[in-house]
Structures are given as C-alpha cells and as structure tokens.
Amino acid sequence: MGAPAKSRFHALRVTAVDRLTDDSVALTFAVPPELRAEYRYAPGQHLAIRRHAEGAEIRRTYSVCSPVLGADGPAEVRVGVRLVDGGEFSTYAHKEIAVGDTLDVMTPAGRFTLEPRPGHFAAVVGGSGITPVLSIAATLLAREPEARFCLIRSDRSAASTMFLEEVADLKDRYPQRFQLVTVLSREEQQAGLPSGRLDEERLTGLLPALLPVERIDGWFLCGPFGLVQGAERALRGLGVERARIHEEIFHVDSGTAPAASQAPVVAHSRVTAQLDGRSGSWPVQDGESLLETVLRNRPDAPYACKGGVCGTCRAFLVSGEVRMDRNYALEPEETDAGYVLACQSHPATEQVELDFDR
C-alpha cells in the first residue's frame, strides 16, 4: 500500500444551511467535479473546516452525515454542527454562515469507519455522536442486503435530537434490518425505555436484552467521553473483544482522563519529520508538542483539533520515545504498531523521528 493521500484544504461553497434543532445545524458544501476524487470519503469520516478571525486560524472537525452514494466521489458533502457554549466556530456556524458563503474544507480523514459487508452491527451514540453513525448505517443498509444495524442513541430530549427525520427514514426503509432504541436523559417518553443516562451499569443490563451481544460483528461508540468509556466497559464486561469495538470521542472535559503515557519529557531534543516526501530536522522548544515544532517549520503539517480527539495529526514513530498527554483517537492496535498523535506528543529522548506519510 502506498502513502496515504495528503490532506488538503479547498474552498467549497455552502449550498444549504439546515436547522436541525435549536442548537444544531447541518451544512452542505458543493464539491466541484475536479475535486470529487479528493473528497471521496468512507462512511464515518470527518472534515476539518478552517476560518480566520481576528488574525487567528480556527480549525474544527465535523463528521460527514450523508451516505456514500457512488465510487466517483460526492457532488456535495454534509456535516452536522452542534452549538458549544463559547465555541468560536459553532457560534459562527449558527449565527453567520449563509448559503453562498465559501469556507476552507479539508479533504476527508478518520478511521472510525465501516466499509459495507454482511453482518450484524450496532452503535451506541450520544448527542451529536449520531453524525458519523448515520453515514455508516445508511451506507451499510443501502449497499449490503445481508447486513443489519442496531442504533442505540441517547439524547437530552426529543427537541434536542439531531437527524430525527433521517433516522426515522432508515427505520421506514429497512424495517427488518434496522433496529432503533432511543433513550432520553431529561424527558420521559410515552413509549419505550424510561429516561436516564446510559451509563455502564445500565448498558450492562440493557444490551443483552436487545441484542446477541457476543455475535455482533462490530460495535461503534460515539459521543461524549463518559458515554463512550462507559459503553466500552460494559461491552468488555459482557465478553466483547476489544478488536470489535470502535470509538470516536466528540467531547472531552479537561482532566477527564490520565495521560496516555508517563515517560518524562527531555529538554534540548530534536525532531526529524518526514512529510509529503520531504524530511527536516528541528530543535523542540520548551513545552512544545512535536506538532508545534513541525508546524513552525512546515505549516502544511496535518492537524485539526489539537486535542487528541480527531487523529488528523497521526504519525509513525520511527525512532526515539515520546510522552503522549492524551489519546482519544488511536485504536490500541495503532499505538501498538508505533503510531502517535503529534499534537499530544512530547520528546522523551534527545532524538525523535516521525513519519507523517505512513
């Protein structure tokens, strides 16, 4: 397999701004014919969107919610944006973005994906975690007649539920192959499960009553850190092997989890980085992450969230050791294979070598 395609920004025009709830919108971007191959995405991938405001660059990642319709690349891409208190980009998206505006949109990235294949799959999502799973489920059910999907979703209330109509359409279109379970944490439903949070204890009792847990071919967990971690612990306690559990974190409170590794940081270190076929070596300044060092010298280095969540800055650790502050993006098999998140990595040896092209 060759090197992965380099992530690039292109200016895309907004063709629709659809209000989903009081605090969420869907943005649709037109993809011109000459860029459609570059924006070909796997169900579950995300896009980084960039804007410049008051002399600063702001990047945020949002998952593609639309299904994969063809092999030639999409004529448009659609993402869901939930308003975050104090969020610079989400506030801008809700109050200012209009049809006809042009935004810088990065080509698709991410490994929280499912290529359609026969089998029985399930997801546990919270809030805006529905966004990538909607693309995964819709693509799977449309392309693979021997596939089934169970969606277990948690929202605060019916009024705050994103993509309500799209999920209902899946239920109407595939009544024998799509199972929907909805839990509202702050509102009682007339029918269905009682209200309350989906924590580890509740999921441990609920999941075996809904599904043959041990026979599910793949579990997709997406949403806030607490929900995803609780669902993973419940599944592991029910005997599901880690390789069948796929996770994507959408929100992490500061101080939620310990550092991903505890190696001490070394001062006066150098990082060598291979990026887009070119290599360079630079000193790491005190307190810098390896990504920050590389960006000072190679502004084209890939990144989006800088929070250890999206995985855009994934790099292969060729030599040396690093300390990763947080990791919510890489699967255990990726870290075991030698991959790190450059935005969270600090040098633990005097020489560190990264390869962004692998």
Protein backbone atom coordinates (compact mmCIF):
# COMPACT_ATOMS: atom_id res chain seq x y z
CA MET A 1 0.00 0.00 0.00
CA GLY A 2 1.33 3.45 -0.91
CA ALA A 3 1.46 6.55 1.23
CA PRO A 4 -1.92 7.98 2.24
CA ALA A 5 -3.28 10.87 0.25
CA LYS A 6 -2.11 14.20 1.61
CA SER A 7 -4.78 16.21 3.41
CA ARG A 8 -5.54 19.49 1.65
CA PHE A 9 -7.87 22.43 2.11
CA HIS A 10 -10.05 23.63 -0.74
CA ALA A 11 -12.55 26.47 -0.82
CA LEU A 12 -16.05 24.97 -1.01
CA ARG A 13 -19.32 26.84 -1.41
CA VAL A 14 -22.14 26.42 1.10
CA THR A 15 -25.30 25.30 -0.68
CA ALA A 16 -27.59 24.67 2.31
CA VAL A 17 -27.84 25.56 5.99
CA ASP A 18 -30.50 23.36 7.58
CA ARG A 19 -31.55 23.94 11.19
CA LEU A 20 -31.89 20.53 12.85
CA THR A 21 -32.67 21.64 16.41
CA ASP A 22 -32.44 24.87 18.37
CA ASP A 23 -28.73 24.21 18.90
CA SER A 24 -27.62 22.30 15.79
CA VAL A 25 -27.40 22.84 12.03
CA ALA A 26 -26.36 20.83 9.01
CA LEU A 27 -24.05 22.50 6.48
CA THR A 28 -23.93 21.26 2.90
CA PHE A 29 -20.98 22.07 0.64
CA ALA A 30 -20.83 21.71 -3.15
CA VAL A 31 -17.85 19.72 -4.44
CA PRO A 32 -16.84 20.74 -7.97
CA PRO A 33 -16.22 17.90 -10.45
CA GLU A 34 -12.46 18.38 -10.47
CA LEU A 35 -12.27 17.83 -6.67
CA ARG A 36 -14.70 14.94 -6.27
CA ALA A 37 -11.98 12.28 -6.26
CA GLU A 38 -10.21 14.11 -3.43
CA TYR A 39 -13.39 14.32 -1.37
CA ARG A 40 -14.26 10.65 -1.78
CA TYR A 41 -14.96 9.55 1.81
CA ALA A 42 -15.59 6.37 3.71
CA PRO A 43 -18.75 6.27 5.85
CA GLY A 44 -17.82 7.65 9.27
CA GLN A 45 -15.03 10.01 8.20
CA HIS A 46 -14.85 13.70 9.07
CA LEU A 47 -13.86 17.03 7.54
CA ALA A 48 -11.85 19.83 9.12
CA ILE A 49 -13.20 23.32 8.43
CA ARG A 50 -10.95 26.37 8.70
CA ARG A 51 -11.64 30.06 9.12
CA HIS A 52 -9.53 33.09 10.01
CA ALA A 53 -10.85 35.55 12.58
CA GLU A 54 -9.04 38.45 14.25
CA GLY A 55 -5.71 37.27 12.91
CA ALA A 56 -6.06 33.72 14.25
CA GLU A 57 -6.75 30.47 12.46
CA ILE A 58 -9.59 28.32 13.80
CA ARG A 59 -9.98 24.67 12.78
CA ARG A 60 -12.77 22.34 13.81
CA THR A 61 -13.66 18.82 12.70
CA TYR A 62 -17.19 17.68 11.84
CA SER A 63 -18.29 14.24 10.68
CA VAL A 64 -19.92 13.70 7.31
CA CYS A 65 -23.52 12.62 7.94
CA SER A 66 -24.55 11.73 4.39
CA PRO A 67 -24.27 8.19 2.98
CA VAL A 68 -21.69 7.24 0.36
CA LEU A 69 -23.63 7.23 -2.90
CA GLY A 70 -21.09 6.31 -5.56
CA ALA A 71 -17.48 5.48 -6.31
CA ASP A 72 -16.72 8.64 -8.31
CA GLY A 73 -16.76 10.99 -5.32
CA PRO A 74 -19.54 13.19 -3.94
CA ALA A 75 -21.17 16.16 -5.66
CA GLU A 76 -21.76 17.53 -2.16
CA VAL A 77 -20.81 16.78 1.43
CA ARG A 78 -22.97 17.45 4.50
CA VAL A 79 -21.86 17.81 8.12
CA GLY A 80 -23.67 18.37 11.39
CA VAL A 81 -22.61 21.17 13.76
CA ARG A 82 -23.84 21.38 17.34
CA LEU A 83 -23.57 24.68 19.20
CA VAL A 84 -20.99 24.55 22.01
CA ASP A 85 -21.03 27.11 24.81
CA GLY A 86 -18.30 29.61 23.93
CA GLY A 87 -17.44 27.69 20.77
CA GLU A 88 -15.86 30.05 18.26
CA PHE A 89 -16.68 28.07 15.15
CA SER A 90 -20.01 26.58 16.21
CA THR A 91 -21.31 30.04 17.16
CA TYR A 92 -20.16 31.36 13.77
CA ALA A 93 -21.87 28.43 12.02
CA HIS A 94 -25.16 29.06 13.79
CA LYS A 95 -25.27 32.84 13.52
CA GLU A 96 -23.35 33.86 10.41
CA ILE A 97 -22.83 31.16 7.78
CA ALA A 98 -25.25 31.55 4.88
CA VAL A 99 -25.87 29.89 1.54
CA GLY A 100 -23.33 31.17 -0.98
CA ASP A 101 -20.52 31.59 1.56
CA THR A 102 -17.20 29.89 0.83
CA LEU A 103 -15.24 28.03 3.52
CA ASP A 104 -11.93 26.19 3.57
CA VAL A 105 -12.71 22.48 3.93
CA MET A 106 -10.05 19.79 4.35
CA THR A 107 -10.29 16.53 2.43
CA PRO A 108 -11.81 13.62 4.43
CA ALA A 109 -9.89 11.89 7.21
CA GLY A 110 -10.55 9.49 10.08
CA ARG A 111 -10.59 5.75 10.78
CA PHE A 112 -13.93 5.46 12.60
CA THR A 113 -15.36 3.75 9.53
CA LEU A 114 -17.20 0.68 8.32
CA GLU A 115 -16.91 -0.50 4.75
CA PRO A 116 -20.18 -2.27 3.86
CA ARG A 117 -20.10 -6.04 4.37
CA PRO A 118 -22.53 -8.72 5.51
CA GLY A 119 -23.04 -8.96 9.24
CA HIS A 120 -24.83 -7.60 12.28
CA PHE A 121 -23.53 -4.28 13.60
CA ALA A 122 -24.52 -1.97 16.43
CA ALA A 123 -23.82 1.53 17.71
CA VAL A 124 -24.19 3.36 21.00
CA VAL A 125 -24.21 7.11 20.44
CA GLY A 126 -24.87 10.23 22.45
CA GLY A 127 -25.96 13.63 21.14
CA SER A 128 -24.02 14.70 18.06
CA GLY A 129 -22.33 11.28 18.05
CA ILE A 130 -25.14 10.28 15.71
CA THR A 131 -23.46 12.18 12.85
CA PRO A 132 -20.83 9.66 11.63
CA VAL A 133 -23.00 6.70 12.61
CA LEU A 134 -25.82 7.99 10.41
CA SER A 135 -23.48 7.83 7.42
CA ILE A 136 -22.23 4.38 8.47
CA ALA A 137 -25.70 2.90 8.94
CA ALA A 138 -27.27 4.46 5.85
CA THR A 139 -24.41 3.36 3.60
CA LEU A 140 -24.32 -0.16 5.04
CA LEU A 141 -28.04 -0.79 4.72
CA ALA A 142 -28.22 0.63 1.19
CA ARG A 143 -25.24 -1.30 -0.15
CA GLU A 144 -25.34 -4.61 1.69
CA PRO A 145 -28.66 -6.52 1.74
CA GLU A 146 -27.20 -9.11 4.12
CA ALA A 147 -26.39 -6.53 6.81
CA ARG A 148 -28.34 -5.46 9.89
CA PHE A 149 -27.77 -2.47 12.15
CA CYS A 150 -28.95 -1.58 15.65
CA LEU A 151 -28.75 2.05 16.74
CA ILE A 152 -28.94 2.82 20.46
CA ARG A 153 -29.00 6.58 20.87
CA SER A 154 -29.10 8.84 23.91
CA ASP A 155 -30.28 12.45 23.80
CA ARG A 156 -31.40 15.02 26.37
CA SER A 157 -34.88 15.43 24.89
CA ALA A 158 -36.81 14.84 21.68
CA ALA A 159 -36.38 18.51 20.74
CA SER A 160 -32.58 18.24 21.03
CA THR A 161 -32.32 15.09 18.88
CA MET A 162 -30.27 15.64 15.72
CA PHE A 163 -31.23 13.99 12.42
CA LEU A 164 -34.56 12.77 13.76
CA GLU A 165 -36.16 12.58 10.31
CA GLU A 166 -33.17 10.87 8.68
CA VAL A 167 -33.11 8.14 11.33
CA ALA A 168 -36.88 7.67 11.07
CA ASP A 169 -36.46 7.28 7.31
CA LEU A 170 -33.98 4.44 7.85
CA LYS A 171 -36.49 2.73 10.13
CA ASP A 172 -39.24 3.07 7.49
CA ARG A 173 -36.99 1.97 4.62
CA TYR A 174 -35.38 -1.04 6.33
CA PRO A 175 -37.89 -2.21 8.98
CA GLN A 176 -36.46 -5.74 9.11
CA ARG A 177 -32.80 -4.75 9.14
CA PHE A 178 -32.65 -1.53 11.16
CA GLN A 179 -33.38 -1.54 14.90
CA LEU A 180 -33.71 1.79 16.74
CA VAL A 181 -33.61 2.24 20.51
CA THR A 182 -33.94 5.78 21.88
CA VAL A 183 -33.22 6.87 25.44
CA LEU A 184 -33.90 10.43 26.65
CA SER A 185 -31.93 11.53 29.70
CA ARG A 186 -34.12 14.51 30.71
CA GLU A 187 -37.55 13.69 29.32
CA GLU A 188 -39.97 10.80 29.73
CA GLN A 189 -41.19 9.06 26.57
CA GLN A 190 -44.75 7.88 26.04
CA ALA A 191 -43.37 4.53 24.94
CA GLY A 192 -40.01 2.82 25.09
CA LEU A 193 -37.30 2.91 27.71
CA PRO A 194 -37.51 5.06 30.84
CA SER A 195 -35.48 8.25 30.94
CA GLY A 196 -31.98 8.47 32.38
CA ARG A 197 -28.33 8.37 31.36
CA LEU A 198 -26.83 5.43 29.51
CA ASP A 199 -24.01 4.58 31.90
CA GLU A 200 -22.00 1.37 32.29
CA GLU A 201 -24.41 -0.23 34.74
CA ARG A 202 -27.49 0.48 32.66
CA LEU A 203 -25.88 -0.67 29.41
CA THR A 204 -24.66 -3.88 31.05
CA GLY A 205 -28.27 -4.81 31.72
CA LEU A 206 -29.79 -3.31 28.59
CA LEU A 207 -27.57 -4.59 25.79
CA PRO A 208 -28.11 -8.36 26.31
CA ALA A 209 -31.87 -7.76 26.38
CA LEU A 210 -31.71 -6.06 22.97
CA LEU A 211 -29.05 -7.98 21.05
CA PRO A 212 -27.00 -11.15 20.88
CA VAL A 213 -24.04 -9.15 22.21
CA GLU A 214 -21.42 -11.83 21.59
CA ARG A 215 -22.46 -12.25 17.94
CA ILE A 216 -22.33 -8.56 16.89
CA ASP A 217 -19.64 -8.14 14.23
CA GLY A 218 -18.73 -4.58 15.13
CA TRP A 219 -19.64 -2.04 17.82
CA PHE A 220 -19.42 1.70 17.08
CA LEU A 221 -19.36 4.02 20.09
CA CYS A 222 -19.52 7.76 19.51
CA GLY A 223 -20.27 10.78 21.66
CA PRO A 224 -19.03 12.34 24.89
CA PHE A 225 -16.09 10.75 26.68
CA GLY A 226 -18.14 9.44 29.62
CA LEU A 227 -20.71 7.68 27.43
CA VAL A 228 -18.11 6.07 25.18
CA GLN A 229 -15.95 4.87 28.07
CA GLY A 230 -18.96 3.53 29.96
CA ALA A 231 -20.18 1.67 26.87
CA GLU A 232 -16.73 0.18 26.28
CA ARG A 233 -16.50 -1.07 29.88
CA ALA A 234 -19.99 -2.56 29.62
CA LEU A 235 -19.13 -4.38 26.40
CA ARG A 236 -15.81 -5.65 27.73
CA GLY A 237 -17.59 -6.88 30.85
CA LEU A 238 -20.03 -8.73 28.58
CA GLY A 239 -17.15 -10.53 26.88
CA VAL A 240 -16.77 -8.47 23.69
CA GLU A 241 -13.18 -8.48 22.44
CA ARG A 242 -11.55 -5.06 22.09
CA ALA A 243 -10.91 -5.54 18.35
CA ARG A 244 -14.67 -5.45 17.68
CA ILE A 245 -15.14 -2.11 19.49
CA HIS A 246 -14.57 1.13 17.56
CA GLU A 247 -14.67 4.51 19.29
CA GLU A 248 -14.81 8.19 18.45
CA ILE A 249 -14.91 10.84 21.17
CA PHE A 250 -16.78 14.06 20.39
CA HIS A 251 -16.23 15.95 23.63
CA VAL A 252 -13.73 15.60 26.48
CA ASP A 253 -13.75 17.67 29.66
CA SER A 254 -10.30 18.80 30.73
CA GLY A 255 -8.83 16.49 33.34
CA THR A 256 -11.24 13.68 32.45
CA ALA A 257 -8.58 11.04 31.87
CA PRO A 258 -4.94 10.45 32.82
CA ALA A 259 -2.06 10.97 30.41
CA ALA A 260 -1.79 8.34 27.69
CA SER A 261 1.84 7.68 28.68
CA GLN A 262 4.02 8.73 31.62
CA ALA A 263 7.51 8.96 30.08
CA PRO A 264 9.43 12.05 31.29
CA VAL A 265 9.94 14.87 28.80
CA VAL A 266 13.54 15.51 27.71
CA ALA A 267 14.82 19.05 27.21
CA HIS A 268 17.04 20.09 24.28
CA SER A 269 15.66 17.49 21.93
CA ARG A 270 15.32 17.44 18.13
CA VAL A 271 12.55 16.09 16.00
CA THR A 272 13.03 14.80 12.47
CA ALA A 273 9.86 14.59 10.41
CA GLN A 274 9.02 13.09 7.04
CA LEU A 275 6.09 14.92 5.46
CA ASP A 276 4.83 14.76 1.90
CA GLY A 277 8.06 13.13 0.73
CA ARG A 278 10.38 15.74 2.33
CA SER A 279 12.32 15.44 5.56
CA GLY A 280 13.52 18.09 8.02
CA SER A 281 15.06 18.24 11.49
CA TRP A 282 14.42 20.98 14.08
CA PRO A 283 15.00 21.69 17.79
CA VAL A 284 12.00 21.32 20.09
CA GLN A 285 11.37 24.41 22.19
CA ASP A 286 10.47 24.09 25.86
CA GLY A 287 6.87 22.98 26.35
CA GLU A 288 6.16 22.44 22.65
CA SER A 289 4.38 19.41 21.32
CA LEU A 290 6.10 17.73 18.39
CA LEU A 291 3.33 19.01 16.13
CA GLU A 292 4.00 22.59 17.21
CA THR A 293 7.70 22.16 16.41
CA VAL A 294 6.93 20.77 12.97
CA LEU A 295 4.34 23.50 12.27
CA ARG A 296 6.86 26.26 12.99
CA ASN A 297 8.91 24.91 10.10
CA ARG A 298 6.33 23.11 7.95
CA PRO A 299 2.96 24.95 8.09
CA ASP A 300 1.48 22.22 5.87
CA ALA A 301 1.70 19.61 8.65
CA PRO A 302 -1.72 17.96 9.10
CA TYR A 303 -3.84 18.81 12.13
CA ALA A 304 -7.37 19.80 13.03
CA CYS A 305 -8.40 19.72 16.69
CA LYS A 306 -5.04 19.72 18.57
CA GLY A 307 -6.92 17.99 21.39
CA GLY A 308 -6.04 14.35 20.78
CA VAL A 309 -9.55 13.62 19.51
CA CYS A 310 -9.66 13.70 15.70
CA GLY A 311 -6.48 11.78 14.76
CA THR A 312 -5.62 14.07 11.82
CA CYS A 313 -2.03 14.52 13.09
CA ARG A 314 -1.33 10.77 13.37
CA ALA A 315 2.32 9.95 12.64
CA PHE A 316 4.51 6.86 12.78
CA LEU A 317 7.23 6.94 15.46
CA VAL A 318 10.28 5.80 13.50
CA SER A 319 12.76 6.17 16.37
CA GLY A 320 13.03 7.62 19.84
CA GLU A 321 10.36 7.80 22.54
CA VAL A 322 7.57 10.25 23.26
CA ARG A 323 5.13 11.07 26.03
CA MET A 324 1.56 11.39 24.81
CA ASP A 325 -0.59 13.60 27.01
CA ARG A 326 -3.93 12.33 25.73
CA ASN A 327 -5.15 9.86 23.14
CA TYR A 328 -8.81 9.62 22.23
CA ALA A 329 -8.29 8.93 18.52
CA LEU A 330 -5.94 5.98 18.01
CA GLU A 331 -7.06 2.39 18.45
CA PRO A 332 -4.85 0.11 20.62
CA GLU A 333 -3.61 -1.73 17.53
CA GLU A 334 -2.44 1.59 16.07
CA THR A 335 -0.42 2.58 19.14
CA ASP A 336 0.94 -0.98 19.34
CA ALA A 337 2.07 -0.62 15.71
CA GLY A 338 4.00 2.56 16.58
CA TYR A 339 1.61 5.42 15.75
CA VAL A 340 1.32 8.53 17.91
CA LEU A 341 -0.65 11.76 17.91
CA ALA A 342 1.85 14.52 17.14
CA CYS A 343 -0.33 17.18 18.81
CA GLN A 344 -0.13 15.34 22.14
CA SER A 345 3.43 14.03 21.90
CA HIS A 346 6.47 15.47 23.69
CA PRO A 347 10.04 14.15 23.32
CA ALA A 348 11.19 11.58 25.90
CA THR A 349 14.56 11.08 24.16
CA GLU A 350 17.04 13.57 22.71
CA GLN A 351 16.23 12.47 19.15
CA VAL A 352 12.73 11.67 17.86
CA GLU A 353 11.82 10.79 14.29
CA LEU A 354 8.25 10.93 12.92
CA ASP A 355 6.84 9.89 9.57
CA PHE A 356 3.55 11.60 8.61
CA ASP A 357 3.46 9.79 5.25
CA ARG A 358 2.94 6.24 6.51
